[in-house]
């Protein structure tokens, strides 16, 4: 795969700029209020204005009112939205009709099957850990990667869930995703990225 990386859970300008400098394809802002990595729309917008034109700004939402998604997309200067809850296909399609790129996230647990992706028309599908009830990403836990087999037939796959410099090469070799998404694996604490961990992640991916 081409080394497409999304650094998610961005809360600080310096972390976003370092991610961009290292070659990240996207940064992720979490607008789920219960998240430890929550960022206000206006703060995210301030960070977005400092980034260049070749890096995507992805807003992460969990079962959010669609009008609020619209408002935040403008204020935070988003180029895509990531739906991490139980949003139905119609909800996703309405956002697509508003001109937003859609990433639909799936929690890969014992009941997950690749054909679940069929119901959604999305620009990409994110596969994340599914073993932590009440949490939506950033758990630092990975899932059994073999469960992703067959998902690529439905579209572009973004692999998430417990990725770090220590396992990203194995994960990519197993799943062969279109892109990878990392958050806790490059942090010192929730929402606070570590520049050296980010550099190590990219070095491992490029190796």
N, C-alpha and C. Protein backbone atom coordinates (compact mmCIF):
# COMPACT_ATOMS: atom_id res chain seq x y z
N UNK A 1 0.83 -1.19 0.00
CA UNK A 1 0.00 0.00 0.00
C UNK A 1 0.87 1.24 0.00
N UNK A 2 0.38 2.31 -0.60
CA UNK A 2 1.02 3.61 -0.44
C UNK A 2 0.84 4.02 1.02
N UNK A 3 1.84 4.69 1.59
CA UNK A 3 1.80 4.99 3.02
C UNK A 3 0.82 6.12 3.32
N UNK A 4 -0.46 5.82 3.34
CA UNK A 4 -1.48 6.80 3.71
C UNK A 4 -1.75 6.66 5.20
N UNK A 5 -1.57 7.75 5.93
CA UNK A 5 -1.70 7.71 7.38
C UNK A 5 -2.62 8.83 7.84
N UNK A 6 -3.56 8.47 8.71
CA UNK A 6 -4.37 9.48 9.40
C UNK A 6 -3.95 9.49 10.86
N UNK A 7 -3.57 10.65 11.36
CA UNK A 7 -3.28 10.82 12.78
C UNK A 7 -4.55 11.36 13.42
N UNK A 8 -5.18 10.55 14.24
CA UNK A 8 -6.48 10.93 14.79
C UNK A 8 -6.36 11.42 16.23
N UNK A 9 -7.42 12.10 16.68
CA UNK A 9 -7.44 12.62 18.04
C UNK A 9 -6.55 13.83 18.22
N UNK A 10 -6.42 14.64 17.18
CA UNK A 10 -5.60 15.86 17.25
C UNK A 10 -6.29 16.90 18.13
N UNK A 11 -5.55 17.47 19.07
CA UNK A 11 -6.07 18.56 19.91
C UNK A 11 -5.13 19.76 19.95
N UNK A 12 -3.91 19.60 19.40
CA UNK A 12 -2.93 20.68 19.47
C UNK A 12 -2.38 21.00 18.09
N UNK A 13 -2.16 22.29 17.85
CA UNK A 13 -1.62 22.72 16.57
C UNK A 13 -0.27 22.09 16.28
N UNK A 14 0.61 22.04 17.27
CA UNK A 14 1.96 21.52 17.03
C UNK A 14 1.92 20.06 16.58
N UNK A 15 0.97 19.31 17.09
CA UNK A 15 0.86 17.90 16.68
C UNK A 15 0.37 17.78 15.25
N UNK A 16 -0.58 18.63 14.88
CA UNK A 16 -1.09 18.62 13.50
C UNK A 16 0.01 19.01 12.52
N UNK A 17 0.78 20.01 12.86
CA UNK A 17 1.85 20.45 11.97
C UNK A 17 2.94 19.39 11.83
N UNK A 18 3.24 18.70 12.93
CA UNK A 18 4.25 17.63 12.87
C UNK A 18 3.73 16.47 12.03
N UNK A 19 2.45 16.14 12.18
CA UNK A 19 1.86 15.07 11.36
C UNK A 19 1.96 15.42 9.89
N UNK A 20 1.66 16.67 9.56
CA UNK A 20 1.75 17.11 8.17
C UNK A 20 3.19 17.04 7.67
N UNK A 21 4.13 17.48 8.50
CA UNK A 21 5.54 17.47 8.11
C UNK A 21 6.03 16.06 7.84
N UNK A 22 5.54 15.11 8.60
CA UNK A 22 5.96 13.71 8.45
C UNK A 22 5.32 13.04 7.24
N UNK A 23 4.31 13.66 6.67
CA UNK A 23 3.70 13.10 5.47
C UNK A 23 2.33 12.49 5.67
N UNK A 24 1.65 12.81 6.78
CA UNK A 24 0.31 12.28 7.01
C UNK A 24 -0.63 12.74 5.91
N UNK A 25 -1.53 11.85 5.52
CA UNK A 25 -2.54 12.18 4.52
C UNK A 25 -3.72 12.91 5.14
N UNK A 26 -3.94 12.71 6.44
CA UNK A 26 -5.09 13.30 7.11
C UNK A 26 -4.84 13.44 8.60
N UNK A 27 -5.55 14.39 9.20
CA UNK A 27 -5.62 14.49 10.66
C UNK A 27 -7.09 14.34 11.03
N UNK A 28 -7.32 13.82 12.23
CA UNK A 28 -8.69 13.59 12.68
C UNK A 28 -9.01 14.40 13.92
N UNK A 29 -10.18 15.06 13.90
CA UNK A 29 -10.67 15.83 15.04
C UNK A 29 -11.90 15.11 15.59
N UNK A 30 -11.94 14.88 16.89
CA UNK A 30 -13.04 14.13 17.49
C UNK A 30 -14.05 15.10 18.11
N UNK A 31 -15.27 15.03 17.62
CA UNK A 31 -16.34 15.91 18.09
C UNK A 31 -17.37 15.17 18.93
N UNK A 32 -17.00 14.01 19.44
CA UNK A 32 -17.83 13.24 20.36
C UNK A 32 -17.51 13.75 21.77
N UNK A 33 -18.48 14.37 22.42
CA UNK A 33 -18.21 15.08 23.67
C UNK A 33 -17.69 14.18 24.79
N UNK A 34 -18.02 12.91 24.77
CA UNK A 34 -17.56 12.01 25.83
C UNK A 34 -16.14 11.49 25.63
N UNK A 35 -15.53 11.86 24.54
CA UNK A 35 -14.17 11.40 24.26
C UNK A 35 -13.14 12.21 25.03
N UNK A 36 -12.09 11.54 25.46
CA UNK A 36 -10.97 12.23 26.12
C UNK A 36 -10.21 13.09 25.12
N UNK A 37 -10.47 12.88 23.83
CA UNK A 37 -9.78 13.64 22.79
C UNK A 37 -10.71 14.66 22.12
N UNK A 38 -11.78 14.99 22.80
CA UNK A 38 -12.74 15.95 22.25
C UNK A 38 -12.06 17.30 21.99
N UNK A 39 -12.43 17.91 20.89
CA UNK A 39 -11.94 19.24 20.54
C UNK A 39 -13.13 20.08 20.12
N UNK A 40 -13.12 21.35 20.45
CA UNK A 40 -14.23 22.21 20.05
C UNK A 40 -14.13 22.49 18.56
N UNK A 41 -15.25 22.72 17.89
CA UNK A 41 -15.21 23.03 16.45
C UNK A 41 -14.35 24.24 16.12
N UNK A 42 -14.42 25.27 16.95
CA UNK A 42 -13.64 26.48 16.65
C UNK A 42 -12.14 26.24 16.80
N UNK A 43 -11.75 25.47 17.81
CA UNK A 43 -10.33 25.15 17.97
C UNK A 43 -9.84 24.32 16.77
N UNK A 44 -10.66 23.35 16.37
CA UNK A 44 -10.30 22.55 15.20
C UNK A 44 -10.18 23.43 13.95
N UNK A 45 -11.07 24.40 13.83
CA UNK A 45 -11.01 25.31 12.70
C UNK A 45 -9.73 26.13 12.69
N UNK A 46 -9.29 26.55 13.87
CA UNK A 46 -8.03 27.31 13.96
C UNK A 46 -6.86 26.46 13.50
N UNK A 47 -6.86 25.19 13.89
CA UNK A 47 -5.79 24.28 13.45
C UNK A 47 -5.87 24.06 11.95
N UNK A 48 -7.08 23.85 11.45
CA UNK A 48 -7.27 23.60 10.01
C UNK A 48 -6.71 24.72 9.16
N UNK A 49 -6.90 25.96 9.60
CA UNK A 49 -6.44 27.10 8.80
C UNK A 49 -4.93 27.15 8.69
N UNK A 50 -4.21 26.49 9.61
CA UNK A 50 -2.75 26.51 9.60
C UNK A 50 -2.15 25.37 8.77
N UNK A 51 -2.99 24.43 8.37
CA UNK A 51 -2.51 23.31 7.57
C UNK A 51 -2.58 23.63 6.08
N UNK A 52 -1.75 22.95 5.31
CA UNK A 52 -1.71 23.17 3.88
C UNK A 52 -2.86 22.50 3.14
N UNK A 53 -2.92 22.69 1.82
CA UNK A 53 -4.05 22.19 1.04
C UNK A 53 -4.02 20.70 0.74
N UNK A 54 -2.93 20.02 1.02
CA UNK A 54 -2.80 18.62 0.61
C UNK A 54 -3.01 17.63 1.76
N UNK A 55 -3.54 18.09 2.87
CA UNK A 55 -3.82 17.18 3.98
C UNK A 55 -5.30 17.29 4.33
N UNK A 56 -5.96 16.14 4.46
CA UNK A 56 -7.39 16.12 4.74
C UNK A 56 -7.66 16.42 6.22
N UNK A 57 -8.82 17.03 6.46
CA UNK A 57 -9.29 17.30 7.82
C UNK A 57 -10.56 16.47 8.03
N UNK A 58 -10.48 15.48 8.90
CA UNK A 58 -11.59 14.54 9.10
C UNK A 58 -12.23 14.77 10.47
N UNK A 59 -13.53 14.95 10.47
CA UNK A 59 -14.26 15.10 11.72
C UNK A 59 -14.88 13.77 12.12
N UNK A 60 -14.67 13.36 13.37
CA UNK A 60 -15.19 12.09 13.87
C UNK A 60 -16.44 12.36 14.71
N UNK A 61 -17.54 11.70 14.33
CA UNK A 61 -18.83 11.92 14.98
C UNK A 61 -19.42 10.58 15.42
N UNK A 62 -20.22 10.62 16.48
CA UNK A 62 -20.90 9.43 16.98
C UNK A 62 -22.38 9.75 17.14
N UNK A 63 -23.20 9.26 16.22
CA UNK A 63 -24.65 9.42 16.29
C UNK A 63 -25.05 10.87 16.56
N UNK A 64 -24.42 11.78 15.85
CA UNK A 64 -24.64 13.22 16.05
C UNK A 64 -25.81 13.70 15.20
N UNK A 65 -26.51 14.72 15.70
CA UNK A 65 -27.56 15.36 14.92
C UNK A 65 -26.95 15.88 13.61
N UNK A 66 -27.62 15.60 12.52
CA UNK A 66 -27.03 15.90 11.21
C UNK A 66 -26.84 17.39 10.98
N UNK A 67 -27.70 18.21 11.58
CA UNK A 67 -27.53 19.65 11.41
C UNK A 67 -26.28 20.14 12.15
N UNK A 68 -25.95 19.49 13.27
CA UNK A 68 -24.73 19.86 13.98
C UNK A 68 -23.50 19.43 13.19
N UNK A 69 -23.58 18.29 12.53
CA UNK A 69 -22.47 17.86 11.68
C UNK A 69 -22.24 18.90 10.58
N UNK A 70 -23.31 19.37 9.98
CA UNK A 70 -23.21 20.41 8.94
C UNK A 70 -22.50 21.64 9.49
N UNK A 71 -22.92 22.09 10.66
CA UNK A 71 -22.36 23.30 11.26
C UNK A 71 -20.88 23.13 11.58
N UNK A 72 -20.53 22.00 12.18
CA UNK A 72 -19.14 21.76 12.54
C UNK A 72 -18.26 21.61 11.31
N UNK A 73 -18.79 20.98 10.27
CA UNK A 73 -18.01 20.80 9.04
C UNK A 73 -17.55 22.15 8.49
N UNK A 74 -18.41 23.16 8.60
CA UNK A 74 -18.05 24.50 8.12
C UNK A 74 -17.07 25.16 9.08
N UNK A 75 -17.39 25.14 10.36
CA UNK A 75 -16.56 25.83 11.35
C UNK A 75 -15.18 25.23 11.47
N UNK A 76 -15.07 23.91 11.33
CA UNK A 76 -13.77 23.24 11.48
C UNK A 76 -13.07 23.04 10.15
N UNK A 77 -13.70 23.49 9.05
CA UNK A 77 -13.12 23.38 7.71
C UNK A 77 -12.82 21.92 7.35
N UNK A 78 -13.80 21.05 7.60
CA UNK A 78 -13.60 19.63 7.35
C UNK A 78 -13.68 19.30 5.86
N UNK A 79 -12.93 18.28 5.47
CA UNK A 79 -13.03 17.76 4.10
C UNK A 79 -13.71 16.41 4.08
N UNK A 80 -13.88 15.78 5.26
CA UNK A 80 -14.54 14.48 5.34
C UNK A 80 -15.09 14.29 6.74
N UNK A 81 -16.08 13.41 6.85
CA UNK A 81 -16.61 13.06 8.16
C UNK A 81 -16.49 11.56 8.35
N UNK A 82 -16.17 11.17 9.58
CA UNK A 82 -16.05 9.75 9.94
C UNK A 82 -17.18 9.43 10.91
N UNK A 83 -18.03 8.50 10.52
CA UNK A 83 -19.20 8.14 11.31
C UNK A 83 -18.86 6.91 12.14
N UNK A 84 -18.80 7.10 13.46
CA UNK A 84 -18.28 6.05 14.33
C UNK A 84 -19.34 5.42 15.20
N UNK A 85 -20.61 5.76 14.96
CA UNK A 85 -21.67 5.22 15.78
C UNK A 85 -22.54 4.24 15.02
N UNK A 86 -23.83 4.30 15.28
CA UNK A 86 -24.78 3.39 14.64
C UNK A 86 -25.56 4.08 13.53
N UNK A 87 -24.97 5.08 12.91
CA UNK A 87 -25.62 5.82 11.84
C UNK A 87 -26.07 4.88 10.72
N UNK A 88 -27.30 5.08 10.25
CA UNK A 88 -27.80 4.19 9.20
C UNK A 88 -27.36 4.67 7.82
N UNK A 89 -27.52 3.84 6.79
CA UNK A 89 -27.08 4.22 5.44
C UNK A 89 -27.72 5.50 4.93
N UNK A 90 -28.98 5.75 5.30
CA UNK A 90 -29.64 6.97 4.86
C UNK A 90 -28.99 8.22 5.42
N UNK A 91 -28.57 8.15 6.68
CA UNK A 91 -27.87 9.27 7.32
C UNK A 91 -26.58 9.58 6.57
N UNK A 92 -25.82 8.53 6.27
CA UNK A 92 -24.56 8.71 5.54
C UNK A 92 -24.81 9.30 4.16
N UNK A 93 -25.86 8.84 3.51
CA UNK A 93 -26.14 9.32 2.16
C UNK A 93 -26.53 10.80 2.16
N UNK A 94 -27.27 11.21 3.18
CA UNK A 94 -27.64 12.63 3.28
C UNK A 94 -26.40 13.51 3.41
N UNK A 95 -25.42 13.07 4.16
CA UNK A 95 -24.19 13.84 4.28
C UNK A 95 -23.41 13.85 2.97
N UNK A 96 -23.41 12.73 2.27
CA UNK A 96 -22.77 12.69 0.95
C UNK A 96 -23.42 13.70 0.00
N UNK A 97 -24.72 13.80 0.08
CA UNK A 97 -25.44 14.75 -0.78
C UNK A 97 -25.14 16.20 -0.43
N UNK A 98 -24.58 16.43 0.75
CA UNK A 98 -24.17 17.77 1.16
C UNK A 98 -22.74 18.07 0.71
N UNK A 99 -22.13 17.13 0.00
CA UNK A 99 -20.80 17.35 -0.55
C UNK A 99 -19.67 16.91 0.35
N UNK A 100 -19.97 16.15 1.41
CA UNK A 100 -18.94 15.69 2.32
C UNK A 100 -18.50 14.27 1.97
N UNK A 101 -17.20 14.01 2.08
CA UNK A 101 -16.69 12.66 1.93
C UNK A 101 -17.02 11.87 3.19
N UNK A 102 -17.35 10.59 3.01
CA UNK A 102 -17.82 9.78 4.13
C UNK A 102 -16.87 8.62 4.40
N UNK A 103 -16.48 8.49 5.67
CA UNK A 103 -15.78 7.31 6.15
C UNK A 103 -16.71 6.65 7.17
N UNK A 104 -17.10 5.42 6.93
CA UNK A 104 -17.97 4.72 7.89
C UNK A 104 -17.12 3.74 8.69
N UNK A 105 -17.17 3.88 10.00
CA UNK A 105 -16.38 3.03 10.88
C UNK A 105 -17.18 1.81 11.33
N UNK A 106 -16.49 0.69 11.46
CA UNK A 106 -17.08 -0.55 11.95
C UNK A 106 -16.20 -1.11 13.06
N UNK A 107 -16.84 -1.55 14.11
CA UNK A 107 -16.11 -2.17 15.22
C UNK A 107 -16.05 -3.67 14.95
N UNK A 108 -14.85 -4.18 14.82
CA UNK A 108 -14.65 -5.56 14.41
C UNK A 108 -14.55 -6.47 15.63
N UNK A 109 -15.67 -7.10 15.92
CA UNK A 109 -15.74 -8.04 17.03
C UNK A 109 -16.19 -9.40 16.55
N UNK A 110 -16.60 -10.27 17.45
CA UNK A 110 -16.99 -11.64 17.08
C UNK A 110 -18.15 -11.71 16.09
N UNK A 111 -19.04 -10.70 16.12
CA UNK A 111 -20.21 -10.74 15.24
C UNK A 111 -19.99 -10.02 13.91
N UNK A 112 -18.80 -9.49 13.71
CA UNK A 112 -18.54 -8.73 12.48
C UNK A 112 -18.37 -9.66 11.28
N UNK A 113 -18.99 -9.28 10.17
CA UNK A 113 -18.77 -9.95 8.89
C UNK A 113 -18.56 -8.89 7.82
N UNK A 114 -17.70 -9.14 6.84
CA UNK A 114 -17.41 -8.13 5.82
C UNK A 114 -18.64 -7.63 5.07
N UNK A 115 -19.66 -8.46 4.92
CA UNK A 115 -20.81 -8.01 4.14
C UNK A 115 -21.62 -6.91 4.83
N UNK A 116 -21.30 -6.58 6.08
CA UNK A 116 -21.94 -5.45 6.74
C UNK A 116 -21.64 -4.14 6.01
N UNK A 117 -20.50 -4.10 5.32
CA UNK A 117 -20.11 -2.89 4.60
C UNK A 117 -21.02 -2.62 3.41
N UNK A 118 -21.68 -3.66 2.92
CA UNK A 118 -22.46 -3.54 1.70
C UNK A 118 -23.58 -2.49 1.79
N UNK A 119 -24.10 -2.29 2.98
CA UNK A 119 -25.26 -1.41 3.14
C UNK A 119 -24.91 0.05 2.95
N UNK A 120 -23.63 0.40 3.05
CA UNK A 120 -23.23 1.81 3.02
C UNK A 120 -22.50 2.18 1.73
N UNK A 121 -22.84 3.36 1.23
CA UNK A 121 -22.07 3.94 0.14
C UNK A 121 -21.14 4.96 0.77
N UNK A 122 -19.89 4.59 0.92
CA UNK A 122 -18.92 5.45 1.60
C UNK A 122 -17.66 5.57 0.74
N UNK A 123 -16.88 6.60 1.03
CA UNK A 123 -15.62 6.79 0.31
C UNK A 123 -14.54 5.87 0.86
N UNK A 124 -14.71 5.45 2.11
CA UNK A 124 -13.79 4.50 2.73
C UNK A 124 -14.47 3.89 3.95
N UNK A 125 -13.97 2.72 4.36
CA UNK A 125 -14.52 2.02 5.52
C UNK A 125 -13.40 1.81 6.52
N UNK A 126 -13.63 2.26 7.76
CA UNK A 126 -12.61 2.14 8.79
C UNK A 126 -12.94 0.97 9.70
N UNK A 127 -11.97 0.11 9.91
CA UNK A 127 -12.12 -1.06 10.77
C UNK A 127 -11.36 -0.82 12.06
N UNK A 128 -12.08 -0.89 13.18
CA UNK A 128 -11.49 -0.57 14.47
C UNK A 128 -11.78 -1.68 15.46
N UNK A 129 -11.13 -1.63 16.61
CA UNK A 129 -11.35 -2.61 17.65
C UNK A 129 -12.79 -2.55 18.14
N UNK A 130 -13.36 -3.70 18.41
CA UNK A 130 -14.75 -3.73 18.82
C UNK A 130 -15.00 -4.37 20.16
N UNK A 131 -13.97 -4.42 21.02
CA UNK A 131 -14.14 -5.16 22.27
C UNK A 131 -14.33 -4.29 23.49
N UNK A 132 -14.45 -2.97 23.29
CA UNK A 132 -14.61 -2.08 24.44
C UNK A 132 -15.96 -1.39 24.36
N UNK A 133 -16.93 -1.87 25.12
CA UNK A 133 -18.26 -1.29 25.08
C UNK A 133 -18.23 0.16 25.57
N UNK A 134 -18.94 1.02 24.84
CA UNK A 134 -19.03 2.41 25.23
C UNK A 134 -17.87 3.26 24.78
N UNK A 135 -16.89 2.68 24.10
CA UNK A 135 -15.77 3.44 23.59
C UNK A 135 -15.81 3.45 22.07
N UNK A 136 -15.23 4.50 21.50
CA UNK A 136 -15.25 4.65 20.05
C UNK A 136 -13.86 5.02 19.57
N UNK A 137 -12.97 4.04 19.52
CA UNK A 137 -11.61 4.27 19.05
C UNK A 137 -10.70 4.78 20.15
N UNK A 138 -9.40 4.78 19.84
CA UNK A 138 -8.42 5.28 20.79
C UNK A 138 -8.25 4.40 22.02
N UNK A 139 -8.61 3.12 21.92
CA UNK A 139 -8.50 2.23 23.07
C UNK A 139 -7.11 1.64 23.23
N UNK A 140 -6.30 1.71 22.18
CA UNK A 140 -4.98 1.08 22.23
C UNK A 140 -5.02 -0.41 22.03
N UNK A 141 -6.20 -0.95 21.70
CA UNK A 141 -6.35 -2.39 21.50
C UNK A 141 -6.58 -2.69 20.03
N UNK A 142 -5.98 -3.77 19.57
CA UNK A 142 -6.17 -4.19 18.19
C UNK A 142 -7.18 -5.32 18.13
N UNK A 143 -7.69 -5.61 16.94
CA UNK A 143 -8.58 -6.75 16.77
C UNK A 143 -7.83 -7.84 16.00
N UNK A 144 -8.47 -8.96 15.85
CA UNK A 144 -7.85 -10.07 15.11
C UNK A 144 -7.90 -9.71 13.63
N UNK A 145 -6.75 -9.37 13.08
CA UNK A 145 -6.70 -8.79 11.74
C UNK A 145 -7.25 -9.71 10.66
N UNK A 146 -7.22 -11.00 10.88
CA UNK A 146 -7.73 -11.92 9.86
C UNK A 146 -9.23 -11.71 9.63
N UNK A 147 -9.92 -11.09 10.61
CA UNK A 147 -11.35 -10.83 10.45
C UNK A 147 -11.63 -9.80 9.35
N UNK A 148 -10.61 -9.06 8.93
CA UNK A 148 -10.78 -8.06 7.87
C UNK A 148 -10.74 -8.67 6.48
N UNK A 149 -10.40 -9.94 6.38
CA UNK A 149 -10.29 -10.59 5.07
C UNK A 149 -11.62 -10.49 4.32
N UNK A 150 -11.53 -10.04 3.09
CA UNK A 150 -12.72 -9.91 2.24
C UNK A 150 -13.34 -8.54 2.24
N UNK A 151 -12.95 -7.68 3.19
CA UNK A 151 -13.55 -6.34 3.26
C UNK A 151 -13.16 -5.47 2.07
N UNK A 152 -11.97 -5.72 1.52
CA UNK A 152 -11.48 -4.86 0.44
C UNK A 152 -12.36 -4.91 -0.81
N UNK A 153 -13.18 -5.94 -0.96
CA UNK A 153 -14.04 -6.02 -2.14
C UNK A 153 -15.13 -4.96 -2.13
N UNK A 154 -15.37 -4.35 -0.97
CA UNK A 154 -16.45 -3.37 -0.86
C UNK A 154 -15.96 -1.93 -0.97
N UNK A 155 -14.65 -1.72 -0.96
CA UNK A 155 -14.14 -0.36 -1.09
C UNK A 155 -12.80 -0.19 -0.39
N UNK A 156 -12.43 1.05 -0.19
CA UNK A 156 -11.15 1.38 0.43
C UNK A 156 -11.22 1.12 1.94
N UNK A 157 -10.25 0.38 2.45
CA UNK A 157 -10.22 -0.01 3.86
C UNK A 157 -9.16 0.78 4.61
N UNK A 158 -9.58 1.39 5.71
CA UNK A 158 -8.67 2.07 6.62
C UNK A 158 -8.56 1.21 7.88
N UNK A 159 -7.36 0.81 8.21
CA UNK A 159 -7.15 -0.06 9.37
C UNK A 159 -6.80 0.79 10.59
N UNK A 160 -7.53 0.56 11.69
CA UNK A 160 -7.29 1.26 12.95
C UNK A 160 -7.29 0.22 14.07
N UNK A 161 -7.11 0.71 15.29
CA UNK A 161 -7.20 -0.16 16.44
C UNK A 161 -5.87 -0.65 16.96
N UNK A 162 -5.30 0.07 17.91
CA UNK A 162 -4.09 -0.40 18.58
C UNK A 162 -2.84 -0.41 17.74
N UNK A 163 -2.80 0.36 16.68
CA UNK A 163 -1.60 0.38 15.84
C UNK A 163 -0.50 1.21 16.50
N UNK A 164 0.73 0.79 16.26
CA UNK A 164 1.90 1.48 16.79
C UNK A 164 3.09 1.17 15.89
N UNK A 165 4.22 1.78 16.20
CA UNK A 165 5.43 1.49 15.43
C UNK A 165 5.81 0.02 15.53
N UNK A 166 5.42 -0.62 16.63
CA UNK A 166 5.82 -2.00 16.84
C UNK A 166 5.02 -3.04 16.07
N UNK A 167 3.82 -2.66 15.59
CA UNK A 167 3.01 -3.67 14.91
C UNK A 167 2.45 -3.24 13.55
N UNK A 168 2.72 -2.01 13.14
CA UNK A 168 2.06 -1.52 11.93
C UNK A 168 2.49 -2.28 10.68
N UNK A 169 3.75 -2.70 10.60
CA UNK A 169 4.19 -3.44 9.41
C UNK A 169 3.47 -4.78 9.32
N UNK A 170 3.35 -5.48 10.43
CA UNK A 170 2.65 -6.76 10.43
C UNK A 170 1.17 -6.56 10.08
N UNK A 171 0.57 -5.51 10.63
CA UNK A 171 -0.84 -5.23 10.37
C UNK A 171 -1.08 -4.96 8.89
N UNK A 172 -0.22 -4.15 8.30
CA UNK A 172 -0.36 -3.82 6.88
C UNK A 172 -0.14 -5.05 6.01
N UNK A 173 0.83 -5.87 6.37
CA UNK A 173 1.10 -7.09 5.59
C UNK A 173 -0.07 -8.05 5.66
N UNK A 174 -0.77 -8.07 6.78
CA UNK A 174 -1.89 -9.00 6.96
C UNK A 174 -3.16 -8.51 6.28
N UNK A 175 -3.50 -7.24 6.49
CA UNK A 175 -4.78 -6.70 6.01
C UNK A 175 -4.67 -6.08 4.62
N UNK A 176 -3.50 -5.53 4.29
CA UNK A 176 -3.29 -4.81 3.03
C UNK A 176 -4.33 -3.70 2.86
N UNK A 177 -4.41 -2.80 3.82
CA UNK A 177 -5.40 -1.74 3.76
C UNK A 177 -5.01 -0.63 2.79
N UNK A 178 -5.97 0.20 2.48
CA UNK A 178 -5.72 1.39 1.66
C UNK A 178 -5.00 2.45 2.48
N UNK A 179 -5.27 2.48 3.79
CA UNK A 179 -4.65 3.47 4.68
C UNK A 179 -4.68 2.93 6.10
N UNK A 180 -3.93 3.58 6.99
CA UNK A 180 -3.95 3.24 8.41
C UNK A 180 -4.28 4.48 9.23
N UNK A 181 -4.83 4.23 10.41
CA UNK A 181 -5.28 5.30 11.31
C UNK A 181 -4.68 5.02 12.68
N UNK A 182 -3.99 6.01 13.25
CA UNK A 182 -3.36 5.81 14.54
C UNK A 182 -3.70 6.98 15.46
N UNK A 183 -3.90 6.66 16.73
CA UNK A 183 -4.18 7.69 17.72
C UNK A 183 -3.38 7.42 18.99
N UNK A 184 -3.85 6.48 19.82
CA UNK A 184 -3.18 6.25 21.10
C UNK A 184 -1.75 5.74 20.94
N UNK A 185 -1.47 5.08 19.82
CA UNK A 185 -0.14 4.53 19.58
C UNK A 185 0.95 5.56 19.38
N UNK A 186 0.56 6.84 19.23
CA UNK A 186 1.56 7.91 19.06
C UNK A 186 1.33 9.01 20.10
N UNK A 187 0.80 8.62 21.27
CA UNK A 187 0.48 9.61 22.30
C UNK A 187 1.28 9.38 23.58
N UNK A 188 1.38 10.46 24.36
CA UNK A 188 1.87 10.36 25.74
C UNK A 188 0.70 10.36 26.71
N UNK A 189 -0.43 10.92 26.28
CA UNK A 189 -1.69 10.89 27.02
C UNK A 189 -2.79 11.21 26.01
N UNK A 190 -4.05 10.92 26.33
CA UNK A 190 -5.12 11.13 25.34
C UNK A 190 -5.15 12.55 24.78
N UNK A 191 -4.99 12.64 23.47
CA UNK A 191 -5.03 13.92 22.79
C UNK A 191 -3.70 14.64 22.71
N UNK A 192 -2.69 14.13 23.39
CA UNK A 192 -1.36 14.75 23.38
C UNK A 192 -0.41 13.81 22.65
N UNK A 193 -0.02 14.20 21.44
CA UNK A 193 0.84 13.34 20.63
C UNK A 193 2.30 13.50 21.04
N UNK A 194 3.07 12.47 20.75
CA UNK A 194 4.51 12.45 21.00
C UNK A 194 5.23 12.47 19.67
N UNK A 195 6.01 13.51 19.43
CA UNK A 195 6.66 13.68 18.13
C UNK A 195 7.55 12.49 17.78
N UNK A 196 8.28 11.97 18.77
CA UNK A 196 9.16 10.84 18.49
C UNK A 196 8.37 9.59 18.14
N UNK A 197 7.26 9.37 18.83
CA UNK A 197 6.42 8.21 18.51
C UNK A 197 5.83 8.34 17.11
N UNK A 198 5.46 9.55 16.73
CA UNK A 198 4.95 9.75 15.37
C UNK A 198 6.03 9.47 14.34
N UNK A 199 7.23 9.97 14.60
CA UNK A 199 8.34 9.72 13.68
C UNK A 199 8.64 8.22 13.58
N UNK A 200 8.62 7.53 14.71
CA UNK A 200 8.89 6.10 14.71
C UNK A 200 7.82 5.33 13.94
N UNK A 201 6.59 5.79 14.04
CA UNK A 201 5.49 5.13 13.33
C UNK A 201 5.71 5.24 11.82
N UNK A 202 6.03 6.42 11.34
CA UNK A 202 6.27 6.59 9.91
C UNK A 202 7.50 5.83 9.46
N UNK A 203 8.53 5.82 10.28
CA UNK A 203 9.75 5.07 9.93
C UNK A 203 9.44 3.58 9.80
N UNK A 204 8.67 3.04 10.74
CA UNK A 204 8.32 1.62 10.69
C UNK A 204 7.47 1.33 9.47
N UNK A 205 6.56 2.21 9.13
CA UNK A 205 5.69 1.99 7.99
C UNK A 205 6.47 2.03 6.69
N UNK A 206 7.46 2.89 6.60
CA UNK A 206 8.25 3.02 5.38
C UNK A 206 9.32 1.94 5.24
N UNK A 207 9.59 1.23 6.31
CA UNK A 207 10.69 0.26 6.30
C UNK A 207 10.42 -0.85 5.27
